[in-house]
């Protein structure tokens, strides 16, 4: 199955890396989570190659718990 062209609003499965995981030395999230692509920037290097950079945003079903410091 071919990967879809990245576009805003596309929901993907993404190994989201939480801040506490990053601080613990992890390079990748512990499990895949649903994320929506909210930004796509395409760069046409030449007539044959198009690269796209995307910005995924985590989709949460429960509110985050923040602690103010």
C-alpha atoms as a PDB file:
ATOM      1  CA  UNK A   1       0.000   0.000   0.000  1.00  0.00           C
ATOM      2  CA  UNK A   2       1.411   3.380  -1.004  1.00  0.00           C
ATOM      3  CA  UNK A   3       1.802   6.121   1.586  1.00  0.00           C
ATOM      4  CA  UNK A   4      -0.618   9.027   1.129  1.00  0.00           C
ATOM      5  CA  UNK A   5       0.648  12.448   0.097  1.00  0.00           C
ATOM      6  CA  UNK A   6       1.087  14.532   3.281  1.00  0.00           C
ATOM      7  CA  UNK A   7      -1.604  17.191   3.672  1.00  0.00           C
ATOM      8  CA  UNK A   8      -3.010  19.302   6.491  1.00  0.00           C
ATOM      9  CA  UNK A   9      -5.609  17.396   8.510  1.00  0.00           C
ATOM     10  CA  UNK A  10      -4.296  13.942   7.616  1.00  0.00           C
ATOM     11  CA  UNK A  11      -4.355  11.682  10.698  1.00  0.00           C
ATOM     12  CA  UNK A  12      -1.324   9.415  11.019  1.00  0.00           C
ATOM     13  CA  UNK A  13       0.088   6.945  13.525  1.00  0.00           C
ATOM     14  CA  UNK A  14       3.194   8.548  15.043  1.00  0.00           C
ATOM     15  CA  UNK A  15       5.619   7.514  17.763  1.00  0.00           C
ATOM     16  CA  UNK A  16       5.177  10.723  19.767  1.00  0.00           C
ATOM     17  CA  UNK A  17       8.057  11.484  22.138  1.00  0.00           C
ATOM     18  CA  UNK A  18       6.879  13.068  25.396  1.00  0.00           C
ATOM     19  CA  UNK A  19       9.144  15.548  27.186  1.00  0.00           C
ATOM     20  CA  UNK A  20       9.693  13.213  30.149  1.00  0.00           C
ATOM     21  CA  UNK A  21      10.709  10.420  27.747  1.00  0.00           C
ATOM     22  CA  UNK A  22      13.159  12.788  26.037  1.00  0.00           C
ATOM     23  CA  UNK A  23      14.621  13.860  29.378  1.00  0.00           C
ATOM     24  CA  UNK A  24      15.021  10.175  30.281  1.00  0.00           C
ATOM     25  CA  UNK A  25      17.270   9.759  27.211  1.00  0.00           C
ATOM     26  CA  UNK A  26      14.755   8.143  24.850  1.00  0.00           C
ATOM     27  CA  UNK A  27      15.016   8.845  21.114  1.00  0.00           C
ATOM     28  CA  UNK A  28      11.566   7.576  20.171  1.00  0.00           C
ATOM     29  CA  UNK A  29       8.178   7.441  21.874  1.00  0.00           C
ATOM     30  CA  UNK A  30       7.128   4.266  23.660  1.00  0.00           C
ATOM     31  CA  UNK A  31       4.061   3.658  21.495  1.00  0.00           C
ATOM     32  CA  UNK A  32       2.356   4.955  18.373  1.00  0.00           C
ATOM     33  CA  UNK A  33      -0.349   7.566  18.908  1.00  0.00           C
ATOM     34  CA  UNK A  34      -2.793   9.289  16.548  1.00  0.00           C
ATOM     35  CA  UNK A  35      -1.509  12.639  15.301  1.00  0.00           C
ATOM     36  CA  UNK A  36      -2.841  15.142  12.792  1.00  0.00           C
ATOM     37  CA  UNK A  37      -0.549  16.858  10.321  1.00  0.00           C
ATOM     38  CA  UNK A  38      -0.991  20.613  10.818  1.00  0.00           C
ATOM     39  CA  UNK A  39       1.750  21.969   8.560  1.00  0.00           C
ATOM     40  CA  UNK A  40       3.265  20.768   5.284  1.00  0.00           C
ATOM     41  CA  UNK A  41       6.214  22.548   3.647  1.00  0.00           C
ATOM     42  CA  UNK A  42       7.223  21.272   0.217  1.00  0.00           C
ATOM     43  CA  UNK A  43      10.651  21.911  -1.245  1.00  0.00           C
ATOM     44  CA  UNK A  44      11.209  21.252  -4.928  1.00  0.00           C
ATOM     45  CA  UNK A  45      14.928  20.476  -5.241  1.00  0.00           C
ATOM     46  CA  UNK A  46      14.833  19.693  -8.943  1.00  0.00           C
ATOM     47  CA  UNK A  47      12.304  18.476 -11.478  1.00  0.00           C
ATOM     48  CA  UNK A  48      12.423  14.899 -10.117  1.00  0.00           C
ATOM     49  CA  UNK A  49      12.559  15.317  -6.344  1.00  0.00           C
ATOM     50  CA  UNK A  50       9.989  16.867  -4.023  1.00  0.00           C
ATOM     51  CA  UNK A  51      10.627  16.648  -0.287  1.00  0.00           C
ATOM     52  CA  UNK A  52       8.037  17.516   2.321  1.00  0.00           C
ATOM     53  CA  UNK A  53       8.540  18.451   5.956  1.00  0.00           C
ATOM     54  CA  UNK A  54       5.555  17.956   8.212  1.00  0.00           C
ATOM     55  CA  UNK A  55       4.574  19.046  11.720  1.00  0.00           C
ATOM     56  CA  UNK A  56       2.410  16.473  13.559  1.00  0.00           C
ATOM     57  CA  UNK A  57       0.157  17.435  16.479  1.00  0.00           C
ATOM     58  CA  UNK A  58      -0.844  14.799  19.030  1.00  0.00           C
ATOM     59  CA  UNK A  59      -4.557  14.006  19.307  1.00  0.00           C
ATOM     60  CA  UNK A  60      -5.566  13.444  22.947  1.00  0.00           C
ATOM     61  CA  UNK A  61      -8.833  12.090  24.297  1.00  0.00           C
ATOM     62  CA  UNK A  62      -8.124  13.161  27.881  1.00  0.00           C
ATOM     63  CA  UNK A  63      -6.776  16.511  29.110  1.00  0.00           C
ATOM     64  CA  UNK A  64      -3.097  16.939  29.887  1.00  0.00           C
ATOM     65  CA  UNK A  65      -2.181  17.455  33.516  1.00  0.00           C
ATOM     66  CA  UNK A  66       0.154  20.433  33.840  1.00  0.00           C
ATOM     67  CA  UNK A  67       2.065  21.405  36.933  1.00  0.00           C
ATOM     68  CA  UNK A  68       3.035  25.041  37.205  1.00  0.00           C
ATOM     69  CA  UNK A  69       6.497  25.536  38.630  1.00  0.00           C
END
